[in-house]
Amino acid sequence: MRQASVLDVGCHSALLTVVRGRPGAELEPVFSRKVRLSLHETLDRKGRLDKAGVKSVERAVAEAVDADPRLGGQDVFAFATSVIRDAPNCDEIIARVARTTGTRLRVLAGEEEARLAYVAARRWAGPTAGPLLVLDIGGGTVEIASGTGEQPDVVHSLPLGARRITRDWLPGGAAPSPRRLAEIRQHLRRSLEGVPGLPQAEPGGRVLACSKTFEQLARLAAARSKTPRARRRLALPQLRTSVSLLAAAGPSRRAELPGISRHRAEQSLAGALIAQALMEACGVKNVEICPWSTREGLLLERLGVPPTPAGRPRVVA
C-alpha cells in the first residue's frame, strides 16, 4: 500500500494531509494537521506579504510538517495557493521558507489547479457520472473545468477570487451601497462574458462546486431548509437570497450567521456574488457540494489511484 503526503498552504491555513491506498482501494487517512493562518491580514495593496506574514508561513509549514514524526524523510508535496503564488515577493517567501524549514513550496498554475480539482471531482463523482462541470472559488482566482473523461476538456483560471474582489471592491468587507453592489455584479458579469468558450451546464450532466466558499454558502442556505441533505446542494434562488442577507450585514454580523466562519466572514459577500455570477454565466441552476478539490487531486495522482469499479472512491475515517 502506497502513501502520499500533501501540504496545502493557503490564505487561511497550512494543511498537511497524509493518506495511503492502492489501485482500486479506498483512501485511508494516516495523519492530518491544520495550522491556522490569516495571510489576508498581512497583505498590502499590491498583494505583497509583509514580514509578519512571511514569518507566519515559516512557522505554519514547520509546525505542520514536524507534527507527524512518522513522516521522517518521506517526500511531502508542499504547494502554495494564489495568496503566495500571486504575491510580488513570492520568490522571497519560497526561499525563506525553504531555508528555515527545509521544505520548498511549489506553486501551481491556476489552470493546473483547475485540472486537479476536476480530477478529484471526477473520481469523487464515480465512473458512471456523465458530463461534469467543476466550479472552484479560491481567494485569488476562480477555477472552472469541464469534460466527459478522467481529464478535463476545458480549464480556466480567472482573477476573480473572493479575497481579490473584497480587496478591490469591498475594502474591509463592508456592506456596500446598492450602487456599489450593482457595479460589482457588472464587473463579474462582464469578466465572465469575456471568457472564450466558457463551459456551460449540459443536459444530463452534473455540476460540482469544490470550495469552502460554496460549502459555507450551502450551509447558510440549508439553515432555512428542513431537508437533511440541503447542505450538500445549493440552488440559484437560495444563493440570491443569501447575497441579500450578507449584503445587509457587516463582517462581524456575518460571522454569526449559520455556516459562515469567522475567518471567512469578511470575504463571504464577495464569495456569494462570485458564486452567483458563475452559476448565471454557466447556465447552472443547482450545484452539488464536492468535498474534494486540488489537494485531493494531487493525492490521487501521487498514489496512482484510479476510479473505483462502482461508486465514488471513499476516504475512510
C-alpha atoms as a PDB file:
ATOM      1  CA  MET A   1       0.000   0.000   0.000  1.00  0.00           C
ATOM      2  CA  ARG A   2       1.469   3.344  -1.082  1.00  0.00           C
ATOM      3  CA  GLN A   3       1.466   6.527   0.959  1.00  0.00           C
ATOM      4  CA  ALA A   4       1.284  10.157  -0.149  1.00  0.00           C
ATOM      5  CA  SER A   5       1.640  13.434   1.723  1.00  0.00           C
ATOM      6  CA  VAL A   6       0.476  16.854   0.585  1.00  0.00           C
ATOM      7  CA  LEU A   7       0.923  20.163   2.383  1.00  0.00           C
ATOM      8  CA  ASP A   8      -1.504  22.825   1.161  1.00  0.00           C
ATOM      9  CA  VAL A   9      -0.530  26.357   2.212  1.00  0.00           C
ATOM     10  CA  GLY A  10      -3.348  28.813   1.636  1.00  0.00           C
ATOM     11  CA  CYS A  11      -4.602  32.107   2.924  1.00  0.00           C
ATOM     12  CA  HIS A  12      -6.364  30.685   5.977  1.00  0.00           C
ATOM     13  CA  SER A  13      -4.334  27.599   6.857  1.00  0.00           C
ATOM     14  CA  ALA A  14      -1.472  25.235   6.199  1.00  0.00           C
ATOM     15  CA  LEU A  15      -2.941  21.733   5.999  1.00  0.00           C
ATOM     16  CA  LEU A  16      -0.858  18.570   5.946  1.00  0.00           C
ATOM     17  CA  THR A  17      -2.739  15.508   4.697  1.00  0.00           C
ATOM     18  CA  VAL A  18      -1.221  12.025   4.663  1.00  0.00           C
ATOM     19  CA  VAL A  19      -3.137   9.124   3.107  1.00  0.00           C
ATOM     20  CA  ARG A  20      -2.382   5.654   1.872  1.00  0.00           C
ATOM     21  CA  GLY A  21      -4.065   3.452  -0.689  1.00  0.00           C
ATOM     22  CA  ARG A  22      -3.628   1.163  -3.630  1.00  0.00           C
ATOM     23  CA  PRO A  23      -5.297   0.944  -7.046  1.00  0.00           C
ATOM     24  CA  GLY A  24      -8.964   0.066  -6.664  1.00  0.00           C
ATOM     25  CA  ALA A  25      -8.886   0.562  -2.887  1.00  0.00           C
ATOM     26  CA  GLU A  26     -10.237   3.192  -0.566  1.00  0.00           C
ATOM     27  CA  LEU A  27      -8.060   6.096   0.513  1.00  0.00           C
ATOM     28  CA  GLU A  28      -7.139   5.633   4.136  1.00  0.00           C
ATOM     29  CA  PRO A  29      -6.229   8.740   6.168  1.00  0.00           C
ATOM     30  CA  VAL A  30      -2.968   8.347   8.054  1.00  0.00           C
ATOM     31  CA  PHE A  31      -2.475  11.815   9.527  1.00  0.00           C
ATOM     32  CA  SER A  32      -3.804  15.361   9.238  1.00  0.00           C
ATOM     33  CA  ARG A  33      -2.659  18.597  10.815  1.00  0.00           C
ATOM     34  CA  LYS A  34      -4.033  22.082  10.207  1.00  0.00           C
ATOM     35  CA  VAL A  35      -2.263  25.248  11.321  1.00  0.00           C
ATOM     36  CA  ARG A  36      -4.398  28.359  11.131  1.00  0.00           C
ATOM     37  CA  LEU A  37      -3.159  31.350   9.108  1.00  0.00           C
ATOM     38  CA  SER A  38      -4.545  34.826   8.423  1.00  0.00           C
ATOM     39  CA  LEU A  39      -2.431  35.880   5.468  1.00  0.00           C
ATOM     40  CA  HIS A  40      -5.109  38.254   4.144  1.00  0.00           C
ATOM     41  CA  GLU A  41      -4.359  40.456   7.150  1.00  0.00           C
ATOM     42  CA  THR A  42      -0.668  40.699   6.174  1.00  0.00           C
ATOM     43  CA  LEU A  43      -1.113  41.760   2.529  1.00  0.00           C
ATOM     44  CA  ASP A  44      -0.509  45.264   1.256  1.00  0.00           C
ATOM     45  CA  ARG A  45      -2.490  46.820  -1.594  1.00  0.00           C
ATOM     46  CA  LYS A  46      -0.244  45.140  -4.155  1.00  0.00           C
ATOM     47  CA  GLY A  47      -0.725  41.704  -2.600  1.00  0.00           C
ATOM     48  CA  ARG A  48       2.746  41.529  -1.054  1.00  0.00           C
ATOM     49  CA  LEU A  49       3.141  39.611   2.226  1.00  0.00           C
ATOM     50  CA  ASP A  50       4.764  41.684   4.942  1.00  0.00           C
ATOM     51  CA  LYS A  51       7.445  40.351   7.310  1.00  0.00           C
ATOM     52  CA  ALA A  52       4.878  39.102   9.810  1.00  0.00           C
ATOM     53  CA  GLY A  53       3.071  37.237   7.041  1.00  0.00           C
ATOM     54  CA  VAL A  54       6.243  35.540   5.831  1.00  0.00           C
ATOM     55  CA  LYS A  55       7.157  34.551   9.391  1.00  0.00           C
ATOM     56  CA  SER A  56       3.710  33.071   9.929  1.00  0.00           C
ATOM     57  CA  VAL A  57       4.117  30.938   6.783  1.00  0.00           C
ATOM     58  CA  GLU A  58       7.508  29.701   8.041  1.00  0.00           C
ATOM     59  CA  ARG A  59       6.003  28.830  11.419  1.00  0.00           C
ATOM     60  CA  ALA A  60       2.953  27.097   9.942  1.00  0.00           C
ATOM     61  CA  VAL A  61       4.964  24.978   7.500  1.00  0.00           C
ATOM     62  CA  ALA A  62       7.413  23.892  10.188  1.00  0.00           C
ATOM     63  CA  GLU A  63       4.626  23.106  12.666  1.00  0.00           C
ATOM     64  CA  ALA A  64       2.588  21.119  10.150  1.00  0.00           C
ATOM     65  CA  VAL A  65       5.473  19.027   8.800  1.00  0.00           C
ATOM     66  CA  ASP A  66       7.018  18.394  12.220  1.00  0.00           C
ATOM     67  CA  ALA A  67       3.666  17.345  13.706  1.00  0.00           C
ATOM     68  CA  ASP A  68       3.948  13.775  12.388  1.00  0.00           C
ATOM     69  CA  PRO A  69       7.301  12.169  13.307  1.00  0.00           C
ATOM     70  CA  ARG A  70       6.388   9.140  11.154  1.00  0.00           C
ATOM     71  CA  LEU A  71       6.996  11.184   8.019  1.00  0.00           C
ATOM     72  CA  GLY A  72      10.737  11.114   8.525  1.00  0.00           C
ATOM     73  CA  GLY A  73      12.404  11.787   5.212  1.00  0.00           C
ATOM     74  CA  GLN A  74       9.306  10.992   3.160  1.00  0.00           C
ATOM     75  CA  ASP A  75       8.696  13.333   0.295  1.00  0.00           C
ATOM     76  CA  VAL A  76       5.963  15.842   1.084  1.00  0.00           C
ATOM     77  CA  PHE A  77       4.453  17.652  -1.886  1.00  0.00           C
ATOM     78  CA  ALA A  78       4.121  21.161  -0.473  1.00  0.00           C
ATOM     79  CA  PHE A  79       2.322  23.757  -2.555  1.00  0.00           C
ATOM     80  CA  ALA A  80       1.138  27.310  -2.061  1.00  0.00           C
ATOM     81  CA  THR A  81      -2.097  28.698  -3.434  1.00  0.00           C
ATOM     82  CA  SER A  82      -2.703  32.070  -5.068  1.00  0.00           C
ATOM     83  CA  VAL A  83      -2.108  34.197  -1.957  1.00  0.00           C
ATOM     84  CA  ILE A  84       1.602  33.312  -2.236  1.00  0.00           C
ATOM     85  CA  ARG A  85       1.736  32.454  -5.948  1.00  0.00           C
ATOM     86  CA  ASP A  86       0.492  35.912  -6.944  1.00  0.00           C
ATOM     87  CA  ALA A  87       2.436  37.869  -4.337  1.00  0.00           C
ATOM     88  CA  PRO A  88       5.157  40.150  -5.816  1.00  0.00           C
ATOM     89  CA  ASN A  89       7.571  38.688  -3.228  1.00  0.00           C
ATOM     90  CA  CYS A  90       6.647  35.053  -3.986  1.00  0.00           C
ATOM     91  CA  ASP A  91      10.235  34.001  -4.733  1.00  0.00           C
ATOM     92  CA  GLU A  92      11.459  35.575  -1.493  1.00  0.00           C
ATOM     93  CA  ILE A  93       8.768  33.756   0.517  1.00  0.00           C
ATOM     94  CA  ILE A  94       9.597  30.381  -1.030  1.00  0.00           C
ATOM     95  CA  ALA A  95      13.329  30.879  -0.497  1.00  0.00           C
ATOM     96  CA  ARG A  96      12.907  31.885   3.167  1.00  0.00           C
ATOM     97  CA  VAL A  97      10.556  29.001   3.944  1.00  0.00           C
ATOM     98  CA  ALA A  98      12.964  26.539   2.303  1.00  0.00           C
ATOM     99  CA  ARG A  99      15.907  27.957   4.217  1.00  0.00           C
ATOM    100  CA  THR A 100      14.248  27.919   7.634  1.00  0.00           C
ATOM    101  CA  THR A 101      12.147  24.732   7.399  1.00  0.00           C
ATOM    102  CA  GLY A 102      13.804  22.569   4.762  1.00  0.00           C
ATOM    103  CA  THR A 103      10.505  22.417   2.858  1.00  0.00           C
ATOM    104  CA  ARG A 104      10.314  24.058  -0.555  1.00  0.00           C
ATOM    105  CA  LEU A 105       6.883  25.268  -1.523  1.00  0.00           C
ATOM    106  CA  ARG A 106       5.819  24.803  -5.112  1.00  0.00           C
ATOM    107  CA  VAL A 107       3.332  26.953  -6.958  1.00  0.00           C
ATOM    108  CA  LEU A 108       0.801  25.511  -9.359  1.00  0.00           C
ATOM    109  CA  ALA A 109      -0.523  27.476 -12.293  1.00  0.00           C
ATOM    110  CA  GLY A 110      -4.206  28.311 -11.972  1.00  0.00           C
ATOM    111  CA  GLU A 111      -5.025  26.060 -14.918  1.00  0.00           C
ATOM    112  CA  GLU A 112      -3.229  23.168 -13.187  1.00  0.00           C
ATOM    113  CA  GLU A 113      -5.268  23.773 -10.027  1.00  0.00           C
ATOM    114  CA  ALA A 114      -8.407  23.662 -12.183  1.00  0.00           C
ATOM    115  CA  ARG A 115      -7.291  20.392 -13.788  1.00  0.00           C
ATOM    116  CA  LEU A 116      -6.559  18.775 -10.428  1.00  0.00           C
ATOM    117  CA  ALA A 117      -9.881  19.934  -8.978  1.00  0.00           C
ATOM    118  CA  TYR A 118     -11.614  18.310 -11.948  1.00  0.00           C
ATOM    119  CA  VAL A 119      -9.638  15.076 -11.472  1.00  0.00           C
ATOM    120  CA  ALA A 120     -10.681  14.977  -7.812  1.00  0.00           C
ATOM    121  CA  ALA A 121     -14.315  15.803  -8.569  1.00  0.00           C
ATOM    122  CA  ARG A 122     -14.464  13.184 -11.331  1.00  0.00           C
ATOM    123  CA  ARG A 123     -13.100  10.477  -9.023  1.00  0.00           C
ATOM    124  CA  TRP A 124     -15.480  11.574  -6.238  1.00  0.00           C
ATOM    125  CA  ALA A 125     -18.479  11.518  -8.580  1.00  0.00           C
ATOM    126  CA  GLY A 126     -17.674   7.986  -9.729  1.00  0.00           C
ATOM    127  CA  PRO A 127     -17.242   6.338 -13.135  1.00  0.00           C
ATOM    128  CA  THR A 128     -20.944   6.449 -14.005  1.00  0.00           C
ATOM    129  CA  ALA A 129     -21.058  10.245 -13.967  1.00  0.00           C
ATOM    130  CA  GLY A 130     -21.555  11.818 -17.380  1.00  0.00           C
ATOM    131  CA  PRO A 131     -20.546  15.342 -18.435  1.00  0.00           C
ATOM    132  CA  LEU A 132     -19.054  17.211 -15.497  1.00  0.00           C
ATOM    133  CA  LEU A 133     -18.690  20.936 -14.833  1.00  0.00           C
ATOM    134  CA  VAL A 134     -16.489  21.863 -11.861  1.00  0.00           C
ATOM    135  CA  LEU A 135     -16.529  25.301 -10.197  1.00  0.00           C
ATOM    136  CA  ASP A 136     -13.955  26.286  -7.571  1.00  0.00           C
ATOM    137  CA  ILE A 137     -13.785  29.722  -5.905  1.00  0.00           C
ATOM    138  CA  GLY A 138     -10.463  30.469  -4.261  1.00  0.00           C
ATOM    139  CA  GLY A 139      -9.114  33.581  -2.632  1.00  0.00           C
ATOM    140  CA  GLY A 140      -7.287  34.993  -5.628  1.00  0.00           C
ATOM    141  CA  THR A 141      -8.729  33.075  -8.545  1.00  0.00           C
ATOM    142  CA  VAL A 142     -11.724  31.131  -9.768  1.00  0.00           C
ATOM    143  CA  GLU A 143     -11.157  27.775 -11.454  1.00  0.00           C
ATOM    144  CA  ILE A 144     -13.567  26.285 -13.994  1.00  0.00           C
ATOM    145  CA  ALA A 145     -13.169  22.905 -15.674  1.00  0.00           C
ATOM    146  CA  SER A 146     -15.408  20.659 -17.732  1.00  0.00           C
ATOM    147  CA  GLY A 147     -15.237  17.384 -19.577  1.00  0.00           C
ATOM    148  CA  THR A 148     -16.560  13.869 -20.014  1.00  0.00           C
ATOM    149  CA  GLY A 149     -13.447  11.844 -19.227  1.00  0.00           C
ATOM    150  CA  GLU A 150     -10.873  11.419 -16.470  1.00  0.00           C
ATOM    151  CA  GLN A 151      -9.140  14.614 -17.618  1.00  0.00           C
ATOM    152  CA  PRO A 152     -10.971  17.865 -18.406  1.00  0.00           C
ATOM    153  CA  ASP A 153     -11.511  19.086 -21.953  1.00  0.00           C
ATOM    154  CA  VAL A 154     -11.546  22.759 -20.906  1.00  0.00           C
ATOM    155  CA  VAL A 155      -9.917  24.584 -17.969  1.00  0.00           C
ATOM    156  CA  HIS A 156      -9.969  28.242 -16.998  1.00  0.00           C
ATOM    157  CA  SER A 157      -8.397  30.192 -14.146  1.00  0.00           C
ATOM    158  CA  LEU A 158      -9.704  33.735 -13.692  1.00  0.00           C
ATOM    159  CA  PRO A 159      -8.555  36.532 -11.336  1.00  0.00           C
ATOM    160  CA  LEU A 160     -11.949  36.726  -9.650  1.00  0.00           C
ATOM    161  CA  GLY A 161     -11.297  35.160  -6.242  1.00  0.00           C
ATOM    162  CA  ALA A 162     -13.167  36.174  -3.086  1.00  0.00           C
ATOM    163  CA  ARG A 163     -10.154  37.783  -1.422  1.00  0.00           C
ATOM    164  CA  ARG A 164      -9.254  39.722  -4.568  1.00  0.00           C
ATOM    165  CA  ILE A 165     -12.798  41.039  -5.123  1.00  0.00           C
ATOM    166  CA  THR A 166     -13.029  42.005  -1.444  1.00  0.00           C
ATOM    167  CA  ARG A 167      -9.724  43.892  -1.641  1.00  0.00           C
ATOM    168  CA  ASP A 168     -10.542  45.690  -4.897  1.00  0.00           C
ATOM    169  CA  TRP A 169     -14.254  46.346  -4.425  1.00  0.00           C
ATOM    170  CA  LEU A 170     -15.214  45.835  -0.769  1.00  0.00           C
ATOM    171  CA  PRO A 171     -12.323  47.030   1.428  1.00  0.00           C
ATOM    172  CA  GLY A 172     -12.748  45.541   4.877  1.00  0.00           C
ATOM    173  CA  GLY A 173     -15.712  43.560   3.619  1.00  0.00           C
ATOM    174  CA  ALA A 174     -18.024  46.449   4.451  1.00  0.00           C
ATOM    175  CA  ALA A 175     -21.648  46.227   3.347  1.00  0.00           C
ATOM    176  CA  PRO A 176     -21.888  48.166   0.066  1.00  0.00           C
ATOM    177  CA  SER A 177     -24.421  50.613  -1.204  1.00  0.00           C
ATOM    178  CA  PRO A 178     -26.894  49.281  -3.804  1.00  0.00           C
ATOM    179  CA  ARG A 179     -24.905  51.175  -6.430  1.00  0.00           C
ATOM    180  CA  ARG A 180     -21.624  49.508  -5.417  1.00  0.00           C
ATOM    181  CA  LEU A 181     -23.309  46.125  -5.396  1.00  0.00           C
ATOM    182  CA  ALA A 182     -24.546  46.719  -8.946  1.00  0.00           C
ATOM    183  CA  GLU A 183     -21.033  47.749 -10.039  1.00  0.00           C
ATOM    184  CA  ILE A 184     -19.532  44.537  -8.640  1.00  0.00           C
ATOM    185  CA  ARG A 185     -22.161  42.423 -10.365  1.00  0.00           C
ATOM    186  CA  GLN A 186     -21.488  44.213 -13.644  1.00  0.00           C
ATOM    187  CA  HIS A 187     -17.730  43.705 -13.289  1.00  0.00           C
ATOM    188  CA  LEU A 188     -18.157  39.981 -12.631  1.00  0.00           C
ATOM    189  CA  ARG A 189     -20.676  39.550 -15.437  1.00  0.00           C
ATOM    190  CA  ARG A 190     -18.507  41.332 -17.995  1.00  0.00           C
ATOM    191  CA  SER A 191     -15.397  39.439 -16.886  1.00  0.00           C
ATOM    192  CA  LEU A 192     -17.135  36.093 -17.365  1.00  0.00           C
ATOM    193  CA  GLU A 193     -18.771  37.113 -20.630  1.00  0.00           C
ATOM    194  CA  GLY A 194     -15.298  37.868 -21.978  1.00  0.00           C
ATOM    195  CA  VAL A 195     -14.027  34.321 -21.407  1.00  0.00           C
ATOM    196  CA  PRO A 196     -13.834  32.452 -24.738  1.00  0.00           C
ATOM    197  CA  GLY A 197     -15.502  29.054 -24.613  1.00  0.00           C
ATOM    198  CA  LEU A 198     -16.808  29.419 -21.071  1.00  0.00           C
ATOM    199  CA  PRO A 199     -18.237  25.948 -20.237  1.00  0.00           C
ATOM    200  CA  GLN A 200     -21.986  25.609 -19.858  1.00  0.00           C
ATOM    201  CA  ALA A 201     -24.025  23.145 -17.838  1.00  0.00           C
ATOM    202  CA  GLU A 202     -25.091  20.272 -20.070  1.00  0.00           C
ATOM    203  CA  PRO A 203     -28.441  18.449 -20.000  1.00  0.00           C
ATOM    204  CA  GLY A 204     -27.954  15.274 -18.017  1.00  0.00           C
ATOM    205  CA  GLY A 205     -24.598  16.472 -16.694  1.00  0.00           C
ATOM    206  CA  ARG A 206     -23.595  17.290 -13.142  1.00  0.00           C
ATOM    207  CA  VAL A 207     -22.186  20.487 -11.704  1.00  0.00           C
ATOM    208  CA  LEU A 208     -19.868  20.115  -8.712  1.00  0.00           C
ATOM    209  CA  ALA A 209     -18.761  23.029  -6.550  1.00  0.00           C
ATOM    210  CA  CYS A 210     -15.377  22.399  -4.905  1.00  0.00           C
ATOM    211  CA  SER A 211     -14.545  25.124  -2.409  1.00  0.00           C
ATOM    212  CA  LYS A 212     -15.088  26.327   1.145  1.00  0.00           C
ATOM    213  CA  THR A 213     -16.928  29.318  -0.300  1.00  0.00           C
ATOM    214  CA  PHE A 214     -19.615  27.162  -1.908  1.00  0.00           C
ATOM    215  CA  GLU A 215     -19.693  24.844   1.099  1.00  0.00           C
ATOM    216  CA  GLN A 216     -20.389  27.661   3.538  1.00  0.00           C
ATOM    217  CA  LEU A 217     -22.992  29.227   1.265  1.00  0.00           C
ATOM    218  CA  ALA A 218     -24.767  25.857   1.082  1.00  0.00           C
ATOM    219  CA  ARG A 219     -24.760  25.631   4.876  1.00  0.00           C
ATOM    220  CA  LEU A 220     -26.191  29.125   5.137  1.00  0.00           C
ATOM    221  CA  ALA A 221     -28.954  28.246   2.691  1.00  0.00           C
ATOM    222  CA  ALA A 222     -29.609  24.920   4.450  1.00  0.00           C
ATOM    223  CA  ALA A 223     -30.259  26.723   7.720  1.00  0.00           C
ATOM    224  CA  ARG A 224     -33.503  27.921   6.140  1.00  0.00           C
ATOM    225  CA  SER A 225     -34.418  24.434   4.958  1.00  0.00           C
ATOM    226  CA  LYS A 226     -35.565  21.387   6.893  1.00  0.00           C
ATOM    227  CA  THR A 227     -34.198  18.944   4.317  1.00  0.00           C
ATOM    228  CA  PRO A 228     -31.306  16.938   5.852  1.00  0.00           C
ATOM    229  CA  ARG A 229     -29.297  16.823   2.605  1.00  0.00           C
ATOM    230  CA  ALA A 230     -29.832  20.501   1.789  1.00  0.00           C
ATOM    231  CA  ARG A 231     -26.319  21.438   2.877  1.00  0.00           C
ATOM    232  CA  ARG A 232     -24.876  19.277   0.092  1.00  0.00           C
ATOM    233  CA  ARG A 233     -26.644  21.227  -2.653  1.00  0.00           C
ATOM    234  CA  LEU A 234     -27.128  24.896  -3.491  1.00  0.00           C
ATOM    235  CA  ALA A 235     -29.793  26.315  -5.798  1.00  0.00           C
ATOM    236  CA  LEU A 236     -29.518  29.662  -7.570  1.00  0.00           C
ATOM    237  CA  PRO A 237     -32.639  31.178  -5.895  1.00  0.00           C
ATOM    238  CA  GLN A 238     -31.196  30.259  -2.478  1.00  0.00           C
ATOM    239  CA  LEU A 239     -27.916  31.891  -3.418  1.00  0.00           C
ATOM    240  CA  ARG A 240     -29.622  35.118  -4.479  1.00  0.00           C
ATOM    241  CA  THR A 241     -31.378  35.252  -1.103  1.00  0.00           C
ATOM    242  CA  SER A 242     -28.060  34.687   0.684  1.00  0.00           C
ATOM    243  CA  VAL A 243     -26.416  37.520  -1.265  1.00  0.00           C
ATOM    244  CA  SER A 244     -29.100  39.911   0.002  1.00  0.00           C
ATOM    245  CA  LEU A 245     -28.669  38.620   3.557  1.00  0.00           C
ATOM    246  CA  LEU A 246     -24.880  39.014   3.500  1.00  0.00           C
ATOM    247  CA  ALA A 247     -25.048  42.442   1.836  1.00  0.00           C
ATOM    248  CA  ALA A 248     -27.294  43.708   4.629  1.00  0.00           C
ATOM    249  CA  ALA A 249     -24.790  42.720   7.328  1.00  0.00           C
ATOM    250  CA  GLY A 250     -21.285  43.807   8.243  1.00  0.00           C
ATOM    251  CA  PRO A 251     -18.452  41.264   8.574  1.00  0.00           C
ATOM    252  CA  SER A 252     -18.916  40.745  12.332  1.00  0.00           C
ATOM    253  CA  ARG A 253     -22.625  40.109  11.892  1.00  0.00           C
ATOM    254  CA  ARG A 254     -21.988  37.698   9.006  1.00  0.00           C
ATOM    255  CA  ALA A 255     -19.778  35.603  11.276  1.00  0.00           C
ATOM    256  CA  GLU A 256     -22.860  34.975  13.436  1.00  0.00           C
ATOM    257  CA  LEU A 257     -24.834  33.554  10.513  1.00  0.00           C
ATOM    258  CA  PRO A 258     -25.091  29.746  10.286  1.00  0.00           C
ATOM    259  CA  GLY A 259     -22.389  28.253   8.117  1.00  0.00           C
ATOM    260  CA  ILE A 260     -20.197  31.379   7.832  1.00  0.00           C
ATOM    261  CA  SER A 261     -16.904  31.000   9.690  1.00  0.00           C
ATOM    262  CA  ARG A 262     -15.349  33.951  11.466  1.00  0.00           C
ATOM    263  CA  HIS A 263     -12.140  33.965   9.424  1.00  0.00           C
ATOM    264  CA  ARG A 264     -14.054  33.949   6.115  1.00  0.00           C
ATOM    265  CA  ALA A 265     -16.795  36.405   7.119  1.00  0.00           C
ATOM    266  CA  GLU A 266     -15.073  39.443   5.605  1.00  0.00           C
ATOM    267  CA  GLN A 267     -14.929  37.921   2.130  1.00  0.00           C
ATOM    268  CA  SER A 268     -18.202  35.955   2.340  1.00  0.00           C
ATOM    269  CA  LEU A 269     -20.219  38.602   0.478  1.00  0.00           C
ATOM    270  CA  ALA A 270     -17.713  38.704  -2.372  1.00  0.00           C
ATOM    271  CA  GLY A 271     -17.740  34.902  -2.458  1.00  0.00           C
ATOM    272  CA  ALA A 272     -21.525  34.835  -2.738  1.00  0.00           C
ATOM    273  CA  LEU A 273     -21.517  37.418  -5.541  1.00  0.00           C
ATOM    274  CA  ILE A 274     -18.894  35.429  -7.430  1.00  0.00           C
ATOM    275  CA  ALA A 275     -20.819  32.178  -6.955  1.00  0.00           C
ATOM    276  CA  GLN A 276     -23.990  33.791  -8.290  1.00  0.00           C
ATOM    277  CA  ALA A 277     -22.194  35.294 -11.278  1.00  0.00           C
ATOM    278  CA  LEU A 278     -20.525  31.963 -12.057  1.00  0.00           C
ATOM    279  CA  MET A 279     -23.740  29.979 -11.918  1.00  0.00           C
ATOM    280  CA  GLU A 280     -25.593  32.505 -14.057  1.00  0.00           C
ATOM    281  CA  ALA A 281     -22.799  32.742 -16.641  1.00  0.00           C
ATOM    282  CA  CYS A 282     -22.513  28.947 -16.923  1.00  0.00           C
ATOM    283  CA  GLY A 283     -26.266  28.351 -17.059  1.00  0.00           C
ATOM    284  CA  VAL A 284     -26.297  26.487 -13.743  1.00  0.00           C
ATOM    285  CA  LYS A 285     -29.450  26.203 -11.630  1.00  0.00           C
ATOM    286  CA  ASN A 286     -28.091  23.854  -8.935  1.00  0.00           C
ATOM    287  CA  VAL A 287     -24.677  22.714  -7.759  1.00  0.00           C
ATOM    288  CA  GLU A 288     -23.630  19.712  -5.703  1.00  0.00           C
ATOM    289  CA  ILE A 289     -21.085  20.400  -2.985  1.00  0.00           C
ATOM    290  CA  CYS A 290     -17.996  18.253  -3.549  1.00  0.00           C
ATOM    291  CA  PRO A 291     -15.587  17.946  -0.583  1.00  0.00           C
ATOM    292  CA  TRP A 292     -12.636  17.140  -2.865  1.00  0.00           C
ATOM    293  CA  SER A 293     -10.568  19.667  -4.805  1.00  0.00           C
ATOM    294  CA  THR A 294      -6.961  20.390  -5.830  1.00  0.00           C
ATOM    295  CA  ARG A 295      -5.387  18.801  -2.759  1.00  0.00           C
ATOM    296  CA  GLU A 296      -7.267  15.530  -3.258  1.00  0.00           C
ATOM    297  CA  GLY A 297      -6.432  15.599  -6.961  1.00  0.00           C
ATOM    298  CA  LEU A 298      -2.747  15.726  -6.043  1.00  0.00           C
ATOM    299  CA  LEU A 299      -3.105  12.896  -3.528  1.00  0.00           C
ATOM    300  CA  LEU A 300      -4.913  10.698  -6.044  1.00  0.00           C
ATOM    301  CA  GLU A 301      -2.354  11.288  -8.778  1.00  0.00           C
ATOM    302  CA  ARG A 302       0.598  10.736  -6.456  1.00  0.00           C
ATOM    303  CA  LEU A 303      -0.928   7.457  -5.334  1.00  0.00           C
ATOM    304  CA  GLY A 304      -1.939   6.454  -8.865  1.00  0.00           C
ATOM    305  CA  VAL A 305      -5.414   5.555  -7.613  1.00  0.00           C
ATOM    306  CA  PRO A 306      -7.916   5.101 -10.488  1.00  0.00           C
ATOM    307  CA  PRO A 307     -11.690   5.370 -10.076  1.00  0.00           C
ATOM    308  CA  THR A 308     -13.281   2.554  -8.094  1.00  0.00           C
ATOM    309  CA  PRO A 309     -15.198   0.000 -10.227  1.00  0.00           C
ATOM    310  CA  ALA A 310     -18.530   1.288  -8.908  1.00  0.00           C
ATOM    311  CA  GLY A 311     -19.432   4.395  -7.000  1.00  0.00           C
ATOM    312  CA  ARG A 312     -17.041   7.017  -5.744  1.00  0.00           C
ATOM    313  CA  PRO A 313     -13.710   6.472  -4.029  1.00  0.00           C
ATOM    314  CA  ARG A 314     -14.182   6.870  -0.330  1.00  0.00           C
ATOM    315  CA  VAL A 315     -11.943   8.257   2.391  1.00  0.00           C
ATOM    316  CA  VAL A 316     -12.336   6.020   5.422  1.00  0.00           C
ATOM    317  CA  ALA A 317     -12.246   7.920   8.693  1.00  0.00           C
END
